[in-house]
Amino acid sequence: MEIPQQQKSRVPHIYVLLAAIIFICAIGTWVLPAGEFERKANEAGRMLVVPGTYHAVDSNPIGFMDLLLSVYKGMNDAAGVVFFVFIAYASIGLVIKTGAFNGLLASMLRCLKGKVKVLIIPIFMILVGVGSSTVGMFEETYPFIPIFVGIATAMGYDAIVGMAIIGLAAGIGYSGAAMNPFTVGIAQSIAELPPLSGAGYRIFCHAVMVVVASAYTMHYALKVEKDPTKSIVYGDDIGSLKMDASDLEKSPFGYREISILLSLAVGIVVIVWGVKVNGWYFGEIAAAFLFMGLLAGGIIGWRPSEIATKWADGLAEIAMAAIMIGIARGILIVLREGRIIDTIVYALAMPLGMIPRWAAAQTMLVIQTLINFVIPSGSGQAATSMPIMAPLSDLLGISRQISVLAFQFGDGLSNILWPTASMPILCGLARVKIDRWIKWFVPLFGLLFLTQMVLLYGALLINYQ
């Protein structure tokens, strides 16, 4: 389909944008002073920053050859994520191609007729958010992005709605996490707080953010349904992900499709169990997704060669997004090798000691959001920033629980905003151009950010402990 001239993107290719960020960061290694914090291992063996130990080190400005090497090193460094995305996407792609999800949605839409069908948005946002909030599901949700892009287009909405149902819900789940072991768990242990303490207020925060995000997304979805030209991605081609209403309405939902979805549900429970109890990570999770995909193909009756062909098609579809992850990791390689990550963290934390208590919590939120640009790993950000923020909160008369809350707010939501975090991955999976997503999400991000500031102020008022 030829895209109308006025709808063609005026921004550079995503690879160009990421390369420009790498270049800017490389310049930063020549301009910013190099510095590091001392680190020591805690009882669990995790290396933590020692507050008050920031010191200058020999600079290591990134030259032209190192700049080029950062892309290769970034791909190596992100290999686990890259190959997880390849395997998981292609495997869940097999489940999608069986039509089981189409049949499920057709059944749901028969129950939720007319405008009421928009309730599918908050229903699935809640389900995904609970998984993120409790067991730390984020990367595990990636394969479901294309499923819901197709579902959203078939319902008369667009790719952004489908992407938001999963990606936005996962980000909010991290922001309002009740017991996420990778963020809240680590941050509370560093801050010497009882495990899972303060979960009640975090659940309340999560619920508030889900309401705000769902209302915003539903309003947009209904607007697009009424007038498709109002879609921010109107005219953009999402290829094989696109469905129409007949794809859902004619979809069978017999014992084969039900068996596939039941096996998928059992598989997800097994993954949650494996992550929670046995410490599974990308390798084991990818293997579980692969098994689910092969099992779905077998249940629906495909021959081995059919399964292999469809799996290979999935690998080809996700190649651009997977490579995007490696290039984005090159940004962190430059900052790390240029020895300026700790300098940036130190410069961001310093102003907190010079502002009144009522503004300190809000400033913590701003700082944690900015830190997530250079340290997009939730556990890595906790290990780097919380040893500074926790004792600093004592000096400012703010409870350590609030410093943890500011950390998770800053870490979670910005994962789907910053190009160094998950945003490029989600856009690649959904076939949504980055400039389109930014145009849609930034106003909502601002609204949710203000919501988080109000929630932090509320935590101060109730003396959240």
Protein backbone atom coordinates (compact mmCIF):
# COMPACT_ATOMS: atom_id res chain seq x y z
CA MET A 1 0.00 0.00 0.00
CA GLU A 2 1.36 3.40 -0.97
CA ILE A 3 1.53 5.72 2.03
CA PRO A 4 0.14 9.20 1.35
CA GLN A 5 2.89 11.76 1.01
CA GLN A 6 1.74 13.77 4.02
CA GLN A 7 1.86 10.65 6.20
CA LYS A 8 5.44 9.67 5.40
CA SER A 9 7.79 9.97 8.37
CA ARG A 10 10.08 12.96 8.33
CA VAL A 11 12.37 11.57 11.02
CA PRO A 12 15.48 9.55 10.18
CA HIS A 13 15.56 5.78 10.29
CA ILE A 14 15.67 4.38 13.83
CA TYR A 15 19.21 3.10 13.25
CA VAL A 16 20.26 6.65 12.37
CA LEU A 17 18.63 8.02 15.52
CA LEU A 18 20.38 5.45 17.73
CA ALA A 19 23.70 6.10 15.98
CA ALA A 20 23.27 9.84 16.64
CA ILE A 21 22.73 9.19 20.35
CA ILE A 22 25.86 7.00 20.44
CA PHE A 23 27.80 9.82 18.78
CA ILE A 24 26.53 12.41 21.28
CA CYS A 25 27.47 10.14 24.19
CA ALA A 26 30.93 9.68 22.69
CA ILE A 27 31.34 13.46 22.60
CA GLY A 28 30.29 13.47 26.25
CA THR A 29 33.28 11.29 27.13
CA TRP A 30 35.54 14.11 25.86
CA VAL A 31 33.63 16.87 27.68
CA LEU A 32 32.51 15.36 31.01
CA PRO A 33 34.99 14.44 33.74
CA ALA A 34 35.49 10.73 34.27
CA GLY A 35 34.63 9.46 37.73
CA GLU A 36 33.58 6.41 39.70
CA PHE A 37 32.08 5.37 43.01
CA GLU A 38 33.70 2.69 45.08
CA ARG A 39 31.63 -0.47 45.25
CA LYS A 40 31.48 -3.35 47.67
CA ALA A 41 29.53 -6.59 47.79
CA ASN A 42 26.61 -6.95 50.20
CA GLU A 43 25.63 -10.21 51.92
CA ALA A 44 23.86 -11.38 48.76
CA GLY A 45 26.99 -10.77 46.69
CA ARG A 46 25.56 -7.79 44.81
CA MET A 47 27.99 -4.95 44.14
CA LEU A 48 26.64 -1.71 45.63
CA VAL A 49 27.77 1.88 45.40
CA VAL A 50 29.39 3.21 48.59
CA PRO A 51 27.92 6.69 49.27
CA GLY A 52 30.41 9.53 49.52
CA THR A 53 33.14 7.72 47.58
CA TYR A 54 32.78 9.40 44.19
CA HIS A 55 36.22 10.31 42.90
CA ALA A 56 37.87 11.33 39.68
CA VAL A 57 39.56 8.69 37.55
CA ASP A 58 41.64 8.81 34.41
CA SER A 59 39.50 9.82 31.47
CA ASN A 60 38.98 7.43 28.60
CA PRO A 61 37.50 9.45 25.74
CA ILE A 62 35.93 7.36 23.01
CA GLY A 63 37.75 7.66 19.70
CA PHE A 64 36.51 6.96 16.20
CA MET A 65 37.44 3.26 16.20
CA ASP A 66 35.91 2.71 19.65
CA LEU A 67 32.79 4.51 18.46
CA LEU A 68 32.41 2.03 15.59
CA LEU A 69 33.25 -0.90 17.85
CA SER A 70 30.48 0.12 20.28
CA VAL A 71 27.86 -1.25 17.89
CA TYR A 72 29.55 -4.66 17.72
CA LYS A 73 30.17 -4.68 21.47
CA GLY A 74 26.59 -3.60 22.11
CA MET A 75 25.25 -6.50 20.08
CA ASN A 76 27.51 -8.90 21.98
CA ASP A 77 26.50 -7.38 25.30
CA ALA A 78 22.80 -7.61 24.45
CA ALA A 79 23.05 -11.06 22.85
CA GLY A 80 20.90 -12.66 25.54
CA VAL A 81 18.05 -10.22 24.96
CA VAL A 82 18.46 -10.28 21.17
CA PHE A 83 18.25 -14.05 20.85
CA PHE A 84 15.47 -14.21 23.41
CA VAL A 85 13.42 -11.81 21.27
CA PHE A 86 14.18 -13.85 18.13
CA ILE A 87 13.14 -17.19 19.67
CA ALA A 88 10.21 -15.96 21.76
CA TYR A 89 8.68 -13.84 18.97
CA ALA A 90 8.93 -16.59 16.36
CA SER A 91 7.59 -19.18 18.80
CA ILE A 92 4.63 -17.13 19.97
CA GLY A 93 4.15 -16.30 16.29
CA LEU A 94 3.25 -19.97 15.81
CA VAL A 95 0.55 -19.62 18.47
CA ILE A 96 -0.78 -16.49 16.74
CA LYS A 97 -0.89 -18.20 13.35
CA THR A 98 -3.05 -21.02 14.71
CA GLY A 99 -5.85 -18.45 15.08
CA ALA A 100 -6.49 -19.39 18.73
CA PHE A 101 -6.34 -15.78 19.91
CA ASN A 102 -8.63 -14.70 17.08
CA GLY A 103 -11.17 -17.25 18.22
CA LEU A 104 -10.91 -16.12 21.85
CA LEU A 105 -11.43 -12.47 20.93
CA ALA A 106 -14.33 -13.37 18.65
CA SER A 107 -16.00 -15.02 21.64
CA MET A 108 -15.28 -12.02 23.85
CA LEU A 109 -16.59 -9.59 21.26
CA ARG A 110 -19.82 -11.55 21.00
CA CYS A 111 -20.26 -10.85 24.70
CA LEU A 112 -18.95 -7.26 24.57
CA LYS A 113 -20.87 -5.75 21.68
CA GLY A 114 -20.69 -2.23 20.28
CA LYS A 115 -18.80 0.40 22.23
CA VAL A 116 -18.55 -1.89 25.25
CA LYS A 117 -15.85 -3.90 23.46
CA VAL A 118 -13.41 -1.12 24.41
CA LEU A 119 -13.41 -2.69 27.90
CA ILE A 120 -10.99 -5.24 26.50
CA ILE A 121 -8.34 -2.52 26.90
CA PRO A 122 -8.52 -2.16 30.70
CA ILE A 123 -9.14 -5.90 31.18
CA PHE A 124 -5.87 -6.88 29.55
CA MET A 125 -3.99 -3.89 30.98
CA ILE A 126 -4.91 -5.13 34.43
CA LEU A 127 -3.87 -8.72 33.66
CA VAL A 128 -0.51 -7.73 32.18
CA GLY A 129 0.07 -5.15 34.92
CA VAL A 130 -0.48 -7.74 37.66
CA GLY A 131 2.18 -9.97 36.10
CA SER A 132 4.65 -7.08 35.95
CA SER A 133 3.82 -5.89 39.45
CA THR A 134 4.23 -9.26 41.12
CA VAL A 135 6.80 -11.40 39.31
CA GLY A 136 8.52 -8.75 37.20
CA MET A 137 7.19 -9.71 33.76
CA PHE A 138 8.44 -7.30 31.11
CA GLU A 139 10.57 -8.97 28.44
CA GLU A 140 8.24 -11.95 28.78
CA THR A 141 5.42 -9.80 27.37
CA TYR A 142 7.24 -8.91 24.13
CA PRO A 143 5.81 -11.79 22.05
CA PHE A 144 2.27 -10.65 22.86
CA ILE A 145 2.77 -7.19 21.29
CA PRO A 146 2.09 -8.33 17.69
CA ILE A 147 -0.89 -10.39 18.88
CA PHE A 148 -2.62 -7.35 20.32
CA VAL A 149 -1.63 -5.11 17.41
CA GLY A 150 -3.58 -7.45 15.17
CA ILE A 151 -6.46 -7.66 17.62
CA ALA A 152 -6.63 -3.87 17.98
CA THR A 153 -6.73 -3.30 14.21
CA ALA A 154 -9.43 -5.96 13.83
CA MET A 155 -11.52 -4.15 16.46
CA GLY A 156 -11.32 -0.92 14.45
CA TYR A 157 -8.53 0.69 16.46
CA ASP A 158 -4.85 0.89 15.45
CA ALA A 159 -1.38 -0.49 16.17
CA ILE A 160 -0.68 2.04 18.92
CA VAL A 161 -3.67 0.77 20.91
CA GLY A 162 -2.42 -2.81 20.62
CA MET A 163 1.09 -1.79 21.62
CA ALA A 164 -0.21 0.21 24.59
CA ILE A 165 -2.36 -2.64 25.94
CA ILE A 166 0.80 -4.70 26.54
CA GLY A 167 3.78 -2.31 26.66
CA LEU A 168 2.10 0.46 28.65
CA ALA A 169 0.59 -2.06 31.07
CA ALA A 170 4.02 -3.64 31.68
CA GLY A 171 5.63 -0.25 32.31
CA ILE A 172 2.90 0.76 34.75
CA GLY A 173 3.19 -2.63 36.46
CA TYR A 174 6.86 -1.92 37.13
CA SER A 175 6.05 1.62 38.29
CA GLY A 176 3.47 0.46 40.81
CA ALA A 177 5.04 -2.89 41.58
CA ALA A 178 3.73 -4.53 44.74
CA MET A 179 6.45 -7.18 45.00
CA ASN A 180 8.59 -7.14 41.82
CA PRO A 181 11.75 -8.99 42.94
CA PHE A 182 13.96 -7.31 40.32
CA THR A 183 13.15 -3.72 41.36
CA VAL A 184 11.27 -3.32 44.64
CA GLY A 185 12.87 -6.41 46.13
CA ILE A 186 16.42 -5.25 45.41
CA ALA A 187 15.73 -1.60 46.28
CA GLN A 188 14.17 -2.50 49.64
CA SER A 189 17.03 -4.81 50.54
CA ILE A 190 19.55 -2.04 49.79
CA ALA A 191 17.47 0.46 51.77
CA GLU A 192 17.32 -2.09 54.64
CA LEU A 193 13.52 -2.23 54.58
CA PRO A 194 11.48 -5.36 55.34
CA PRO A 195 10.72 -7.36 52.17
CA LEU A 196 7.36 -6.45 50.59
CA SER A 197 6.75 -3.74 53.21
CA GLY A 198 4.50 -0.88 52.12
CA ALA A 199 2.83 -3.02 49.43
CA GLY A 200 -0.64 -1.62 50.16
CA TYR A 201 0.17 1.93 49.05
CA ARG A 202 2.06 0.67 45.99
CA ILE A 203 -1.00 -1.37 44.94
CA PHE A 204 -3.08 1.79 45.29
CA CYS A 205 -0.57 3.70 43.13
CA HIS A 206 -0.68 0.96 40.50
CA ALA A 207 -4.49 1.07 40.41
CA VAL A 208 -4.53 4.85 40.00
CA MET A 209 -2.05 4.74 37.11
CA VAL A 210 -3.97 1.93 35.38
CA VAL A 211 -7.16 4.01 35.55
CA VAL A 212 -5.41 7.05 34.04
CA ALA A 213 -3.70 5.04 31.29
CA SER A 214 -6.80 3.00 30.44
CA ALA A 215 -9.02 6.07 30.20
CA TYR A 216 -6.50 7.83 27.92
CA THR A 217 -6.10 4.76 25.68
CA MET A 218 -9.84 4.06 25.51
CA HIS A 219 -10.58 7.68 24.56
CA TYR A 220 -8.03 7.48 21.75
CA ALA A 221 -9.29 4.06 20.59
CA LEU A 222 -12.89 5.25 20.35
CA LYS A 223 -11.76 8.35 18.44
CA VAL A 224 -9.91 6.19 15.91
CA GLU A 225 -12.85 3.81 15.58
CA LYS A 226 -15.14 6.75 14.80
CA ASP A 227 -12.72 8.35 12.33
CA PRO A 228 -9.68 6.25 11.24
CA THR A 229 -7.96 9.37 9.87
CA LYS A 230 -7.54 10.52 13.48
CA SER A 231 -5.10 7.67 14.04
CA ILE A 232 -1.54 8.84 14.60
CA VAL A 233 -0.37 5.91 12.45
CA TYR A 234 -3.00 6.43 9.74
CA GLY A 235 -1.58 5.31 6.41
CA ASP A 236 1.35 3.42 7.93
CA ASP A 237 1.73 -0.18 6.76
CA ILE A 238 2.09 -2.77 9.55
CA GLY A 239 2.28 -5.66 7.12
CA SER A 240 1.15 -9.10 8.23
CA LEU A 241 0.19 -7.87 11.71
CA LYS A 242 -2.93 -6.16 10.38
CA MET A 243 -6.27 -7.92 10.80
CA ASP A 244 -9.82 -6.92 9.98
CA ALA A 245 -13.08 -7.71 11.73
CA SER A 246 -13.76 -10.72 9.51
CA ASP A 247 -10.50 -12.29 10.68
CA LEU A 248 -11.98 -12.39 14.18
CA GLU A 249 -15.63 -13.03 13.37
CA LYS A 250 -14.90 -16.05 11.17
CA SER A 251 -12.30 -17.48 13.51
CA PRO A 252 -13.19 -20.91 14.89
CA PHE A 253 -12.92 -21.52 18.60
CA GLY A 254 -13.11 -25.28 18.97
CA TYR A 255 -11.30 -27.77 21.15
CA ARG A 256 -8.00 -27.33 19.26
CA GLU A 257 -7.94 -23.54 19.82
CA ILE A 258 -9.03 -23.93 23.44
CA SER A 259 -6.30 -26.54 23.99
CA ILE A 260 -3.68 -24.20 22.53
CA LEU A 261 -4.69 -21.34 24.83
CA LEU A 262 -4.82 -23.65 27.85
CA SER A 263 -1.34 -24.93 27.06
CA LEU A 264 -0.16 -21.33 26.66
CA ALA A 265 -1.66 -20.40 30.04
CA VAL A 266 0.01 -23.40 31.69
CA GLY A 267 3.27 -22.46 29.99
CA ILE A 268 3.11 -18.91 31.36
CA VAL A 269 2.44 -20.27 34.85
CA VAL A 270 5.48 -22.53 34.48
CA ILE A 271 7.58 -19.55 33.37
CA VAL A 272 6.41 -17.51 36.36
CA TRP A 273 7.24 -20.45 38.64
CA GLY A 274 10.63 -20.91 37.00
CA VAL A 275 11.53 -17.23 37.34
CA LYS A 276 10.26 -16.98 40.89
CA VAL A 277 11.51 -20.29 42.33
CA ASN A 278 14.38 -21.42 40.14
CA GLY A 279 15.80 -18.12 38.92
CA TRP A 280 15.07 -18.72 35.24
CA TYR A 281 16.30 -16.04 32.88
CA PHE A 282 16.30 -15.47 29.14
CA GLY A 283 17.59 -18.92 28.13
CA GLU A 284 15.06 -20.95 30.07
CA ILE A 285 12.20 -18.57 29.25
CA ALA A 286 13.04 -18.72 25.54
CA ALA A 287 13.11 -22.53 25.72
CA ALA A 288 9.66 -22.52 27.34
CA PHE A 289 8.26 -20.24 24.62
CA LEU A 290 9.80 -22.49 21.96
CA PHE A 291 8.10 -25.53 23.46
CA MET A 292 4.76 -23.70 23.58
CA GLY A 293 5.08 -22.70 19.93
CA LEU A 294 5.96 -26.21 18.77
CA LEU A 295 3.15 -27.68 20.87
CA ALA A 296 0.64 -25.23 19.35
CA GLY A 297 1.73 -26.22 15.86
CA GLY A 298 1.30 -29.87 16.73
CA ILE A 299 -2.15 -29.37 18.27
CA ILE A 300 -3.44 -27.47 15.25
CA GLY A 301 -2.19 -30.26 12.97
CA TRP A 302 0.72 -28.70 11.06
CA ARG A 303 3.45 -30.89 9.58
CA PRO A 304 7.03 -30.37 10.86
CA SER A 305 8.05 -28.54 7.68
CA GLU A 306 5.07 -26.19 8.01
CA ILE A 307 6.06 -25.39 11.57
CA ALA A 308 9.66 -24.75 10.51
CA THR A 309 8.59 -22.47 7.65
CA LYS A 310 6.27 -20.41 9.83
CA TRP A 311 8.92 -20.18 12.57
CA ALA A 312 11.49 -18.96 10.02
CA ASP A 313 9.01 -16.33 8.81
CA GLY A 314 8.74 -15.09 12.40
CA LEU A 315 12.52 -14.77 12.66
CA ALA A 316 12.57 -12.66 9.50
CA GLU A 317 9.74 -10.42 10.75
CA ILE A 318 11.51 -9.58 14.03
CA ALA A 319 15.06 -9.20 12.66
CA MET A 320 14.99 -5.39 12.47
CA ALA A 321 13.67 -4.96 16.01
CA ALA A 322 16.12 -7.50 17.43
CA ILE A 323 19.14 -5.80 15.85
CA MET A 324 17.80 -2.50 17.14
CA ILE A 325 18.31 -3.79 20.69
CA GLY A 326 22.01 -4.42 20.07
CA ILE A 327 22.57 -1.01 18.52
CA ALA A 328 20.82 0.70 21.45
CA ARG A 329 23.06 -1.19 23.87
CA GLY A 330 26.01 0.50 22.16
CA ILE A 331 24.94 3.72 23.91
CA LEU A 332 25.59 2.13 27.28
CA ILE A 333 28.88 0.66 26.06
CA VAL A 334 30.12 4.16 25.20
CA LEU A 335 29.02 5.62 28.54
CA ARG A 336 30.53 2.71 30.45
CA GLU A 337 33.87 2.61 28.65
CA GLY A 338 34.07 6.40 28.72
CA ARG A 339 33.70 6.21 32.55
CA ILE A 340 31.01 8.87 32.76
CA ILE A 341 27.98 6.87 33.99
CA ASP A 342 28.87 7.45 37.65
CA THR A 343 29.63 11.08 36.88
CA ILE A 344 26.12 11.53 35.50
CA VAL A 345 24.54 9.78 38.52
CA TYR A 346 26.61 11.88 40.94
CA ALA A 347 25.72 15.14 39.19
CA LEU A 348 22.02 14.24 39.29
CA ALA A 349 22.06 13.29 42.98
CA MET A 350 23.99 16.33 44.27
CA PRO A 351 21.13 18.89 44.06
CA LEU A 352 18.97 16.84 46.44
CA GLY A 353 21.01 17.97 49.41
CA MET A 354 20.21 21.61 48.71
CA ILE A 355 16.41 21.64 48.45
CA PRO A 356 13.62 21.54 51.08
CA ARG A 357 11.98 18.28 52.11
CA TRP A 358 8.69 18.94 50.30
CA ALA A 359 10.48 19.16 46.95
CA ALA A 360 13.06 16.43 47.54
CA ALA A 361 10.73 13.50 46.80
CA GLN A 362 9.67 15.05 43.49
CA THR A 363 13.29 15.72 42.60
CA MET A 364 14.13 12.09 43.38
CA LEU A 365 11.48 11.07 40.84
CA VAL A 366 12.97 13.35 38.19
CA ILE A 367 16.49 12.09 38.91
CA GLN A 368 15.52 8.41 38.85
CA THR A 369 13.71 8.96 35.55
CA LEU A 370 16.84 10.54 34.06
CA ILE A 371 19.12 7.85 35.49
CA ASN A 372 17.00 5.23 33.72
CA PHE A 373 18.23 6.67 30.42
CA VAL A 374 21.81 5.61 31.17
CA ILE A 375 21.00 2.59 33.39
CA PRO A 376 17.84 1.05 31.90
CA SER A 377 18.17 -2.13 33.97
CA GLY A 378 15.86 -1.93 37.00
CA SER A 379 18.15 -4.04 39.16
CA GLY A 380 21.23 -2.16 37.91
CA GLN A 381 19.62 1.20 38.62
CA ALA A 382 18.67 0.04 42.12
CA ALA A 383 22.21 -1.14 42.82
CA THR A 384 23.68 2.15 41.58
CA SER A 385 21.25 4.76 42.89
CA MET A 386 19.65 3.34 46.03
CA PRO A 387 22.89 3.25 48.10
CA ILE A 388 22.98 7.03 47.51
CA MET A 389 19.26 7.79 47.72
CA ALA A 390 18.50 5.74 50.84
CA PRO A 391 20.94 7.48 53.22
CA LEU A 392 20.25 10.81 51.51
CA SER A 393 16.55 10.41 52.31
CA ASP A 394 17.52 10.04 56.00
CA LEU A 395 19.32 13.39 55.86
CA LEU A 396 16.32 15.02 54.19
CA GLY A 397 13.79 13.64 56.69
CA ILE A 398 12.09 11.47 54.04
CA SER A 399 11.29 7.84 54.75
CA ARG A 400 13.35 5.29 52.86
CA GLN A 401 10.10 3.75 51.64
CA ILE A 402 9.43 6.97 49.72
CA SER A 403 12.89 6.86 48.15
CA VAL A 404 12.09 3.31 46.97
CA LEU A 405 8.75 4.52 45.59
CA ALA A 406 10.48 7.35 43.70
CA PHE A 407 12.95 4.83 42.30
CA GLN A 408 10.32 2.45 40.96
CA PHE A 409 8.22 5.31 39.53
CA GLY A 410 11.28 6.61 37.68
CA ASP A 411 12.38 3.18 36.50
CA GLY A 412 9.08 1.72 35.34
CA LEU A 413 7.31 4.25 33.16
CA SER A 414 10.39 5.63 31.41
CA ASN A 415 11.18 2.12 30.13
CA ILE A 416 8.70 2.82 27.34
CA LEU A 417 9.98 6.35 26.73
CA TRP A 418 13.78 6.20 26.56
CA PRO A 419 15.47 4.79 23.42
CA THR A 420 18.09 3.09 25.62
CA ALA A 421 15.37 1.04 27.35
CA SER A 422 12.44 -0.92 25.91
CA MET A 423 10.80 1.69 23.71
CA PRO A 424 12.61 0.81 20.44
CA ILE A 425 11.93 -2.88 21.03
CA LEU A 426 8.22 -2.34 21.54
CA CYS A 427 7.98 -0.09 18.48
CA GLY A 428 9.81 -2.66 16.36
CA LEU A 429 7.53 -5.47 17.50
CA ALA A 430 4.41 -3.40 16.85
CA ARG A 431 5.66 -1.95 13.52
CA VAL A 432 5.04 1.54 14.94
CA LYS A 433 7.45 4.30 13.93
CA ILE A 434 9.21 5.81 16.93
CA ASP A 435 8.12 9.36 16.14
CA ARG A 436 4.48 8.19 16.03
CA TRP A 437 4.78 6.51 19.43
CA ILE A 438 6.45 9.56 20.96
CA LYS A 439 3.69 11.82 19.60
CA TRP A 440 1.05 9.61 21.23
CA PHE A 441 2.84 8.67 24.44
CA VAL A 442 4.56 11.88 25.58
CA PRO A 443 1.28 13.61 26.58
CA LEU A 444 0.24 10.49 28.50
CA PHE A 445 3.70 10.23 30.04
CA GLY A 446 3.34 13.81 31.25
CA LEU A 447 -0.09 13.05 32.70
CA LEU A 448 1.17 9.91 34.45
CA PHE A 449 4.28 11.75 35.66
CA LEU A 450 2.06 14.37 37.29
CA THR A 451 0.01 11.53 38.78
CA GLN A 452 3.18 10.04 40.24
CA MET A 453 4.15 13.41 41.73
CA VAL A 454 0.74 13.64 43.42
CA LEU A 455 1.12 10.08 44.72
CA LEU A 456 4.57 10.90 46.11
CA TYR A 457 3.16 13.98 47.83
CA GLY A 458 0.41 11.79 49.25
CA ALA A 459 3.08 9.41 50.56
CA LEU A 460 4.69 12.35 52.39
CA LEU A 461 1.36 13.41 53.88
CA ILE A 462 0.62 9.96 55.29
CA ASN A 463 4.24 9.46 56.37
CA TYR A 464 4.50 6.34 54.19
CA GLN A 465 6.78 3.82 55.88
